[in-house]
Amino acid sequence: MGAVLALACIAMAQFSHPSPRDRYIANGGLVVAAITIVLVPVLAAIISAYIRADLVEHGKESTPVTILGIPLLDVSAEKVQVSWICQDSQRPAIFRQPGSRDNTINAILVGETATSYYIHLGDKDKPPSEIVKLPQNCAVLTHDERSESR
């Protein structure tokens, strides 16, 4: 669609200006406009992705980026409590740490598949900062109520 529109604008610029100089100026303006329309959102998305990744590394939530309700960068990370519900013999070491109580830990959900959850533990300044993969059939996630009250 964008290519058809660009070709139509170039064709209009070719036929609407009688002198070659005016055509070059019109085409140059179209090229600058096209680059700006594509480049600015791409740069904004890249910068926003790095900012949001840094938030998650520091143990903070991240919300999706939208422009006029349209998702530009549909990536989010939310605080959750993870409870281990399978047998203790299968329980990962993260649920045996001093901060863990009743087989529950606080983490940030950074991704999920049909069979697994990916959670972020700790933050960049307090080791260990890691992402852990947990099977969905052994982990129950509850959303952190404190983050919803903001």
Protein backbone atom coordinates (compact mmCIF):
# COMPACT_ATOMS: atom_id res chain seq x y z
CA MET A 1 0.00 0.00 0.00
CA GLY A 2 2.82 2.38 0.91
CA ALA A 3 4.69 1.58 -2.30
CA VAL A 4 1.60 2.26 -4.44
CA LEU A 5 1.02 5.54 -2.64
CA ALA A 6 4.67 6.55 -3.08
CA LEU A 7 4.58 5.75 -6.81
CA ALA A 8 1.34 7.72 -7.19
CA CYS A 9 2.90 10.75 -5.45
CA ILE A 10 6.01 10.56 -7.65
CA ALA A 11 3.87 10.29 -10.78
CA MET A 12 1.81 13.30 -9.70
CA ALA A 13 5.00 15.27 -9.03
CA GLN A 14 6.34 14.37 -12.50
CA PHE A 15 3.22 15.48 -14.35
CA SER A 16 2.18 18.45 -12.23
CA HIS A 17 5.45 20.39 -12.57
CA PRO A 18 6.47 21.51 -16.06
CA SER A 19 10.12 22.34 -15.30
CA PRO A 20 12.73 19.67 -14.41
CA ARG A 21 13.95 21.79 -11.50
CA ASP A 22 10.48 21.83 -9.90
CA ARG A 23 10.15 18.07 -10.41
CA TYR A 24 13.48 17.44 -8.64
CA ILE A 25 12.41 19.64 -5.73
CA ALA A 26 9.03 17.86 -5.49
CA ASN A 27 10.64 14.41 -5.66
CA GLY A 28 13.25 15.43 -3.08
CA GLY A 29 10.49 16.57 -0.74
CA LEU A 30 8.67 13.26 -1.22
CA VAL A 31 11.84 11.29 -0.45
CA VAL A 32 12.50 13.33 2.72
CA ALA A 33 8.88 12.90 3.82
CA ALA A 34 8.95 9.13 3.16
CA ILE A 35 12.20 8.66 5.07
CA THR A 36 10.86 10.71 7.98
CA ILE A 37 7.57 8.81 8.09
CA VAL A 38 9.41 5.47 8.24
CA LEU A 39 12.57 6.39 10.17
CA VAL A 40 11.06 8.30 13.10
CA PRO A 41 8.70 5.51 14.29
CA VAL A 42 11.42 2.87 13.81
CA LEU A 43 13.91 4.87 15.89
CA ALA A 44 11.26 5.55 18.53
CA ALA A 45 10.45 1.82 18.75
CA ILE A 46 14.13 0.87 19.10
CA ILE A 47 14.80 3.47 21.80
CA SER A 48 11.61 2.52 23.65
CA ALA A 49 12.56 -1.18 23.54
CA TYR A 50 15.91 -0.45 25.22
CA ILE A 51 14.25 1.75 27.86
CA ARG A 52 11.65 -0.91 28.62
CA ALA A 53 14.27 -3.68 28.78
CA ASP A 54 16.23 -1.57 31.28
CA LEU A 55 13.08 -1.18 33.41
CA VAL A 56 12.64 -4.97 33.54
CA GLU A 57 16.31 -5.50 34.41
CA HIS A 58 15.84 -3.19 37.38
CA GLY A 59 12.77 -5.10 38.60
CA LYS A 60 10.09 -2.69 37.35
CA GLU A 61 7.02 -3.31 35.22
CA SER A 62 6.75 -2.34 31.56
CA THR A 63 3.60 -1.59 29.57
CA PRO A 64 3.02 -1.87 25.80
CA VAL A 65 3.69 1.21 23.64
CA THR A 66 0.67 2.45 21.70
CA ILE A 67 0.04 5.39 19.39
CA LEU A 68 -3.63 6.38 19.16
CA GLY A 69 -4.56 2.98 20.59
CA ILE A 70 -2.56 1.04 17.97
CA PRO A 71 0.21 -1.14 19.46
CA LEU A 72 3.61 0.00 18.22
CA LEU A 73 5.70 -2.13 20.55
CA ASP A 74 3.43 -4.77 22.06
CA VAL A 75 5.80 -5.91 24.79
CA SER A 76 4.97 -5.81 28.47
CA ALA A 77 6.29 -7.19 31.74
CA GLU A 78 4.22 -7.31 34.90
CA LYS A 79 4.89 -8.13 38.54
CA VAL A 80 3.53 -11.51 39.61
CA GLN A 81 3.69 -13.93 42.49
CA VAL A 82 4.71 -17.41 41.38
CA SER A 83 3.61 -20.41 43.42
CA TRP A 84 5.06 -23.89 42.94
CA ILE A 85 2.33 -26.55 42.98
CA CYS A 86 4.16 -29.73 41.93
CA GLN A 87 6.07 -32.15 44.15
CA ASP A 88 8.85 -30.80 46.34
CA SER A 89 11.34 -33.14 44.67
CA GLN A 90 10.79 -31.27 41.36
CA ARG A 91 10.90 -27.80 42.92
CA PRO A 92 13.59 -25.53 41.41
CA ALA A 93 16.23 -23.98 43.64
CA ILE A 94 14.69 -20.50 43.36
CA PHE A 95 11.79 -21.66 45.54
CA ARG A 96 14.22 -22.80 48.27
CA GLN A 97 15.92 -19.41 48.70
CA PRO A 98 15.52 -17.36 51.91
CA GLY A 99 13.15 -14.85 50.23
CA SER A 100 10.76 -17.62 49.20
CA ARG A 101 7.88 -18.37 51.57
CA ASP A 102 5.33 -21.14 51.19
CA ASN A 103 6.66 -22.10 47.75
CA THR A 104 5.93 -18.54 46.50
CA ILE A 105 8.30 -15.96 45.02
CA ASN A 106 7.87 -12.44 43.62
CA ALA A 107 9.04 -11.98 40.05
CA ILE A 108 8.31 -10.23 36.77
CA LEU A 109 6.60 -12.18 33.99
CA VAL A 110 8.56 -11.40 30.81
CA GLY A 111 7.09 -14.04 28.51
CA GLU A 112 5.14 -17.24 28.15
CA THR A 113 4.50 -20.04 25.70
CA ALA A 114 1.84 -22.74 25.63
CA THR A 115 3.89 -24.82 28.09
CA SER A 116 6.22 -22.43 29.96
CA TYR A 117 6.46 -19.18 31.88
CA TYR A 118 9.57 -17.00 31.69
CA ILE A 119 10.11 -14.94 34.83
CA HIS A 120 12.77 -12.41 35.79
CA LEU A 121 14.25 -12.59 39.27
CA GLY A 122 16.17 -9.92 41.11
CA ASP A 123 17.45 -6.80 39.43
CA LYS A 124 20.62 -5.57 37.76
CA ASP A 125 22.07 -4.11 40.97
CA LYS A 126 21.32 -7.06 43.27
CA PRO A 127 22.62 -10.41 42.03
CA PRO A 128 21.35 -12.83 40.98
CA SER A 129 19.57 -11.21 38.06
CA GLU A 130 18.27 -14.02 35.90
CA ILE A 131 15.43 -15.23 33.75
CA VAL A 132 14.00 -18.60 34.73
CA LYS A 133 11.83 -20.92 32.66
CA LEU A 134 9.08 -22.70 34.60
CA PRO A 135 6.59 -25.29 33.35
CA GLN A 136 3.03 -23.93 33.35
CA ASN A 137 1.60 -27.11 34.82
CA CYS A 138 3.73 -26.65 37.98
CA ALA A 139 3.52 -22.89 38.47
CA VAL A 140 0.55 -20.68 39.29
CA LEU A 141 0.84 -16.94 38.67
CA THR A 142 -1.09 -14.30 40.57
CA HIS A 143 -0.84 -10.65 39.61
CA ASP A 144 0.68 -8.30 42.16
CA GLU A 145 -2.17 -6.17 43.55
CA ARG A 146 0.23 -3.37 44.53
CA SER A 147 1.00 -2.63 40.85
CA GLU A 148 -2.71 -2.36 39.95
CA SER A 149 -3.40 0.29 42.60
CA ARG A 150 -1.06 2.80 40.93
